[in-house]
């Protein structure tokens, strides 16, 4: 996550010699601003407040710096930021700035201007501070725009397998019965199907093509209607390379999360094993929710 061997800077030039800190408060999900609104000889620092689960930022012609405060749209904040992470995905054309994490006047480099062009996801805990985006020194800013998407992600041990949330390798382990039942109730997608084929992904993950006989729930249009008998939906799910995929001949109940428009596999027990678990929990009255999986 970020750069290997993270390091800390004491920000002096912008925080101490800027004439004023501009205030901008918003409850919107997206922010769009321009460095042309600043006096060219000043190093203003603008505060941006975003209270949303996901959105985007576009900073045209960067000058000075902006501090981006990401928070969920809920109160009190202290109760909800514990275990909450922010993930950002720069656009491959993003340029004109360096991105840091700022806390108590100290900066830790998260993304250089060159690294943003890779378009890779980077995550950090909200307890690590706010995003500090500093304009890079360029004589011509007319073609420079810093832009990225962001998401707030709550970690869920055993269910969340989004690799960018982890500092080290992802730990792959079977989900417990409780985690499976919770995943079916709370996941961004729930489906029944088989793994059809796999291919290496652009990052440290594998892309699996799945053919689905049932689509119980999905966020966004992840899976599309393919027609034909039995297997009526198809789509792709991402799996970290450290996690082996189950045999293709079996049918599974697939759950997982959606990040930046892509599906990430979470708990995926064999369908018949899940049905035994679900029916037992139903009889005992311990099901966290009811779902039609027959």
Protein backbone atom coordinates (compact mmCIF):
# COMPACT_ATOMS: atom_id res chain seq x y z
CA UNK A 1 0.00 0.00 0.00
CA UNK A 2 1.51 3.32 -0.98
CA UNK A 3 5.28 3.38 -1.22
CA UNK A 4 7.51 0.77 0.33
CA UNK A 5 9.47 2.15 3.24
CA UNK A 6 7.02 4.91 4.11
CA UNK A 7 8.58 8.05 5.42
CA UNK A 8 7.51 11.25 7.11
CA UNK A 9 8.03 14.88 6.15
CA UNK A 10 7.50 17.96 8.26
CA UNK A 11 5.52 20.30 6.03
CA UNK A 12 6.98 23.76 6.44
CA UNK A 13 6.55 25.76 3.24
CA UNK A 14 2.80 25.44 2.76
CA UNK A 15 1.62 25.24 6.36
CA UNK A 16 3.81 28.03 7.67
CA UNK A 17 4.24 30.55 4.87
CA UNK A 18 0.81 30.38 3.27
CA UNK A 19 -1.10 33.57 3.90
CA UNK A 20 -4.41 31.92 4.75
CA UNK A 21 -6.19 28.60 4.83
CA UNK A 22 -9.32 28.71 2.71
CA UNK A 23 -12.35 26.90 4.11
CA UNK A 24 -14.70 24.86 1.97
CA UNK A 25 -17.27 22.59 3.56
CA UNK A 26 -19.46 20.15 1.67
CA UNK A 27 -21.64 17.14 2.34
CA UNK A 28 -21.53 16.18 -1.32
CA UNK A 29 -19.85 13.05 -2.61
CA UNK A 30 -17.83 14.80 -5.33
CA UNK A 31 -15.65 17.88 -5.42
CA UNK A 32 -14.35 19.86 -8.36
CA UNK A 33 -12.09 22.86 -7.96
CA UNK A 34 -9.48 24.91 -9.76
CA UNK A 35 -6.12 26.28 -8.74
CA UNK A 36 -6.84 29.33 -10.87
CA UNK A 37 -9.01 30.63 -8.03
CA UNK A 38 -5.83 31.25 -6.02
CA UNK A 39 -3.48 34.17 -6.34
CA UNK A 40 -0.45 32.81 -8.26
CA UNK A 41 2.12 34.13 -5.76
CA UNK A 42 0.39 32.58 -2.73
CA UNK A 43 0.50 29.01 -1.42
CA UNK A 44 -3.05 28.64 -0.16
CA UNK A 45 -4.23 25.47 1.55
CA UNK A 46 -7.89 24.73 0.94
CA UNK A 47 -9.95 22.46 3.19
CA UNK A 48 -12.40 20.08 1.52
CA UNK A 49 -14.94 18.09 3.54
CA UNK A 50 -16.66 15.11 1.94
CA UNK A 51 -19.18 12.96 3.82
CA UNK A 52 -20.05 10.08 1.53
CA UNK A 53 -19.35 6.37 1.05
CA UNK A 54 -17.83 7.00 -2.38
CA UNK A 55 -17.24 9.78 -4.85
CA UNK A 56 -14.60 11.58 -6.86
CA UNK A 57 -12.31 14.58 -6.80
CA UNK A 58 -11.11 16.67 -9.73
CA UNK A 59 -8.58 19.46 -9.15
CA UNK A 60 -7.86 21.47 -12.26
CA UNK A 61 -4.60 23.41 -12.70
CA UNK A 62 -3.25 22.58 -9.20
CA UNK A 63 -1.60 25.37 -7.22
CA UNK A 64 -0.92 25.45 -3.50
CA UNK A 65 -2.48 22.49 -1.70
CA UNK A 66 -5.80 21.01 -0.60
CA UNK A 67 -6.61 18.96 2.49
CA UNK A 68 -9.35 16.40 1.85
CA UNK A 69 -11.27 15.23 4.91
CA UNK A 70 -13.14 11.99 4.17
CA UNK A 71 -15.83 10.92 6.62
CA UNK A 72 -18.93 8.72 6.57
CA UNK A 73 -22.26 10.52 6.55
CA UNK A 74 -23.01 9.56 10.16
CA UNK A 75 -22.42 10.82 13.67
CA UNK A 76 -20.64 10.65 16.02
CA UNK A 77 -17.52 10.35 13.89
CA UNK A 78 -15.35 8.71 16.53
CA UNK A 79 -17.72 5.76 16.71
CA UNK A 80 -17.61 5.07 12.99
CA UNK A 81 -14.03 5.80 11.94
CA UNK A 82 -12.51 2.94 13.94
CA UNK A 83 -11.78 0.18 11.45
CA UNK A 84 -12.80 2.39 8.55
CA UNK A 85 -10.47 2.74 5.61
CA UNK A 86 -10.38 5.05 2.62
CA UNK A 87 -9.28 3.76 -0.77
CA UNK A 88 -8.39 6.01 -3.69
CA UNK A 89 -7.94 5.11 -7.34
CA UNK A 90 -6.22 7.83 -9.41
CA UNK A 91 -7.17 8.29 -13.03
CA UNK A 92 -4.33 7.25 -15.35
CA UNK A 93 -4.23 10.84 -16.67
CA UNK A 94 -3.94 12.31 -13.16
CA UNK A 95 -0.98 14.65 -12.84
CA UNK A 96 0.15 17.93 -11.32
CA UNK A 97 0.41 16.97 -7.65
CA UNK A 98 1.80 14.66 -4.98
CA UNK A 99 -0.54 12.97 -2.50
CA UNK A 100 0.32 12.63 1.19
CA UNK A 101 -1.36 11.61 4.42
CA UNK A 102 -1.39 14.49 6.90
CA UNK A 103 -1.79 14.18 10.65
CA UNK A 104 -0.81 16.74 13.27
CA UNK A 105 1.34 18.66 10.78
CA UNK A 106 3.32 15.62 9.65
CA UNK A 107 3.15 14.25 6.13
CA UNK A 108 3.65 10.71 4.85
CA UNK A 109 4.01 10.27 1.12
CA UNK A 110 1.25 8.12 -0.37
CA UNK A 111 1.54 8.70 -4.14
CA UNK A 112 4.02 10.60 -6.28
CA UNK A 113 2.88 12.33 -9.45
CA UNK A 114 4.38 9.50 -11.52
CA UNK A 115 2.71 6.74 -9.48
CA UNK A 116 -0.75 8.20 -10.04
CA UNK A 117 -0.51 7.40 -13.76
CA UNK A 118 -0.51 3.67 -12.89
CA UNK A 119 -4.15 3.94 -11.81
CA UNK A 120 -3.70 1.51 -8.91
CA UNK A 121 -5.83 1.45 -5.77
CA UNK A 122 -4.23 2.61 -2.50
CA UNK A 123 -5.93 2.29 0.90
CA UNK A 124 -5.26 3.77 4.32
CA UNK A 125 -6.97 3.92 7.70
CA UNK A 126 -8.86 7.12 8.48
CA UNK A 127 -6.97 7.19 11.77
CA UNK A 128 -3.79 7.88 9.75
CA UNK A 129 -5.03 11.35 8.86
CA UNK A 130 -6.45 13.35 5.97
CA UNK A 131 -5.32 13.44 2.36
CA UNK A 132 -2.92 16.32 1.68
CA UNK A 133 -2.63 16.99 -2.05
CA UNK A 134 0.22 19.35 -2.91
CA UNK A 135 0.65 20.92 -6.31
CA UNK A 136 3.91 19.87 -7.96
CA UNK A 137 6.27 22.54 -9.21
CA UNK A 138 5.58 23.07 -12.91
CA UNK A 139 6.00 26.20 -14.99
CA UNK A 140 2.98 25.25 -17.12
CA UNK A 141 -0.12 24.01 -15.25
CA UNK A 142 -2.54 24.34 -18.16
CA UNK A 143 -2.56 20.61 -18.98
CA UNK A 144 -2.44 19.27 -15.43
CA UNK A 145 -5.45 17.84 -13.61
CA UNK A 146 -5.41 15.73 -10.45
CA UNK A 147 -8.36 13.38 -10.38
CA UNK A 148 -9.25 10.22 -8.49
CA UNK A 149 -12.17 8.18 -7.17
CA UNK A 150 -12.48 7.31 -3.49
CA UNK A 151 -14.39 4.80 -1.37
CA UNK A 152 -14.81 4.33 2.36
CA UNK A 153 -14.45 0.66 3.25
CA UNK A 154 -15.23 -0.98 6.58
CA UNK A 155 -13.04 -3.99 7.29
CA UNK A 156 -14.81 -7.23 8.07
CA UNK A 157 -12.47 -10.06 9.14
CA UNK A 158 -13.05 -13.32 7.28
CA UNK A 159 -15.35 -11.72 4.69
CA UNK A 160 -13.42 -8.81 3.18
CA UNK A 161 -10.69 -10.08 0.91
CA UNK A 162 -9.95 -6.79 -0.88
CA UNK A 163 -6.12 -7.05 -1.02
CA UNK A 164 -5.45 -3.30 -1.01
CA UNK A 165 -6.69 -3.11 2.59
CA UNK A 166 -3.78 -5.21 3.81
CA UNK A 167 -0.20 -4.13 4.40
CA UNK A 168 1.13 -7.63 3.80
CA UNK A 169 -0.07 -10.76 2.00
CA UNK A 170 -3.75 -11.60 2.24
CA UNK A 171 -4.50 -14.46 4.62
CA UNK A 172 -6.69 -17.00 2.85
CA UNK A 173 -8.81 -19.18 5.08
CA UNK A 174 -12.26 -20.77 4.87
CA UNK A 175 -15.08 -18.66 6.28
CA UNK A 176 -16.70 -19.83 9.50
CA UNK A 177 -20.40 -20.77 9.53
CA UNK A 178 -21.22 -17.42 11.14
CA UNK A 179 -19.20 -15.52 8.55
CA UNK A 180 -20.91 -17.36 5.68
CA UNK A 181 -24.40 -16.56 6.97
CA UNK A 182 -23.45 -12.93 7.54
CA UNK A 183 -21.89 -12.68 4.08
CA UNK A 184 -25.08 -13.89 2.39
CA UNK A 185 -27.01 -11.16 4.22
CA UNK A 186 -24.64 -8.23 3.80
CA UNK A 187 -22.52 -8.78 0.65
CA UNK A 188 -22.74 -6.53 -2.40
CA UNK A 189 -23.50 -9.60 -4.51
CA UNK A 190 -24.88 -13.06 -3.80
CA UNK A 191 -25.18 -15.71 -6.51
CA UNK A 192 -25.12 -19.44 -7.17
CA UNK A 193 -22.87 -20.75 -9.90
CA UNK A 194 -19.62 -22.33 -11.06
CA UNK A 195 -16.15 -21.07 -11.92
CA UNK A 196 -15.79 -21.27 -15.67
CA UNK A 197 -12.24 -20.07 -16.40
CA UNK A 198 -9.45 -17.93 -14.94
CA UNK A 199 -6.84 -15.47 -16.17
CA UNK A 200 -4.13 -13.34 -14.51
CA UNK A 201 -5.36 -9.88 -13.50
CA UNK A 202 -3.51 -6.58 -13.99
CA UNK A 203 -2.49 -6.49 -10.31
CA UNK A 204 -1.80 -9.11 -7.66
CA UNK A 205 -5.03 -10.95 -8.30
CA UNK A 206 -6.70 -13.52 -10.53
CA UNK A 207 -9.79 -12.82 -12.63
CA UNK A 208 -12.31 -15.66 -12.62
CA UNK A 209 -15.18 -15.94 -15.10
CA UNK A 210 -18.31 -17.32 -13.42
CA UNK A 211 -21.49 -18.80 -14.87
CA UNK A 212 -24.52 -18.33 -12.62
CA UNK A 213 -27.72 -20.33 -12.28
CA UNK A 214 -29.15 -17.90 -9.69
CA UNK A 215 -28.46 -14.21 -9.12
CA UNK A 216 -29.90 -13.33 -5.75
CA UNK A 217 -28.50 -9.82 -5.36
CA UNK A 218 -25.99 -7.55 -7.04
CA UNK A 219 -24.75 -3.99 -6.66
CA UNK A 220 -24.34 -2.29 -10.03
CA UNK A 221 -24.46 -4.33 -13.24
CA UNK A 222 -21.69 -6.77 -12.40
CA UNK A 223 -23.29 -9.81 -14.00
CA UNK A 224 -25.06 -9.75 -17.34
CA UNK A 225 -27.77 -11.93 -18.85
CA UNK A 226 -26.17 -14.59 -21.04
CA UNK A 227 -29.23 -16.59 -22.05
CA UNK A 228 -29.29 -20.35 -22.45
CA UNK A 229 -30.67 -23.01 -20.19
CA UNK A 230 -29.65 -23.22 -16.54
CA UNK A 231 -26.72 -20.82 -16.54
CA UNK A 232 -28.37 -17.52 -17.27
CA UNK A 233 -25.88 -14.95 -15.99
CA UNK A 234 -22.16 -14.44 -16.47
CA UNK A 235 -19.52 -12.11 -15.08
CA UNK A 236 -16.08 -11.75 -13.56
CA UNK A 237 -14.85 -11.78 -9.98
CA UNK A 238 -11.39 -10.92 -8.66
CA UNK A 239 -9.50 -13.16 -6.26
CA UNK A 240 -6.11 -12.38 -4.66
CA UNK A 241 -3.35 -14.52 -6.18
CA UNK A 242 -2.54 -15.99 -2.75
CA UNK A 243 -5.99 -17.56 -2.57
CA UNK A 244 -6.48 -20.75 -4.60
CA UNK A 245 -9.73 -21.01 -6.51
CA UNK A 246 -12.01 -23.98 -5.77
CA UNK A 247 -12.51 -26.76 -8.34
CA UNK A 248 -14.53 -25.71 -11.37
CA UNK A 249 -16.77 -28.78 -11.36
CA UNK A 250 -18.59 -27.82 -8.13
CA UNK A 251 -21.42 -25.36 -7.64
CA UNK A 252 -20.89 -22.59 -5.08
CA UNK A 253 -22.75 -19.78 -3.45
CA UNK A 254 -20.67 -16.72 -4.29
CA UNK A 255 -20.56 -13.62 -2.10
CA UNK A 256 -18.32 -10.60 -2.09
CA UNK A 257 -17.84 -6.87 -2.29
CA UNK A 258 -17.73 -4.30 -5.09
CA UNK A 259 -14.94 -1.73 -5.28
CA UNK A 260 -14.48 0.79 -8.08
CA UNK A 261 -16.91 -1.16 -10.26
CA UNK A 262 -15.21 -4.54 -9.83
CA UNK A 263 -16.39 -7.63 -7.94
CA UNK A 264 -14.12 -9.18 -5.29
CA UNK A 265 -14.87 -12.67 -4.05
CA UNK A 266 -15.54 -13.17 -0.34
CA UNK A 267 -17.01 -16.32 1.18
CA UNK A 268 -17.71 -19.01 -1.43
CA UNK A 269 -18.76 -22.32 0.17
CA UNK A 270 -20.04 -25.25 -1.85
CA UNK A 271 -23.73 -24.79 -2.51
CA UNK A 272 -24.81 -28.07 -0.92
CA UNK A 273 -22.73 -27.34 2.21
CA UNK A 274 -24.28 -23.90 2.47
CA UNK A 275 -27.79 -25.33 2.11
CA UNK A 276 -27.16 -27.71 5.01
CA UNK A 277 -25.89 -24.79 7.10
CA UNK A 278 -28.75 -22.50 6.10
CA UNK A 279 -31.47 -25.07 6.81
CA UNK A 280 -29.94 -25.90 10.19
CA UNK A 281 -29.73 -22.22 11.14
CA UNK A 282 -33.30 -21.71 9.92
CA UNK A 283 -34.57 -24.51 12.16
CA UNK A 284 -32.63 -23.12 15.15
CA UNK A 285 -33.78 -19.55 14.49
CA UNK A 286 -30.19 -18.28 14.23
CA UNK A 287 -30.34 -17.00 10.64
CA UNK A 288 -29.37 -13.30 10.53
CA UNK A 289 -31.70 -12.90 7.51
CA UNK A 290 -33.98 -14.83 5.19
CA UNK A 291 -32.97 -15.34 1.58
CA UNK A 292 -34.52 -17.40 -1.23
CA UNK A 293 -31.78 -19.81 -2.25
CA UNK A 294 -33.96 -22.73 -3.36
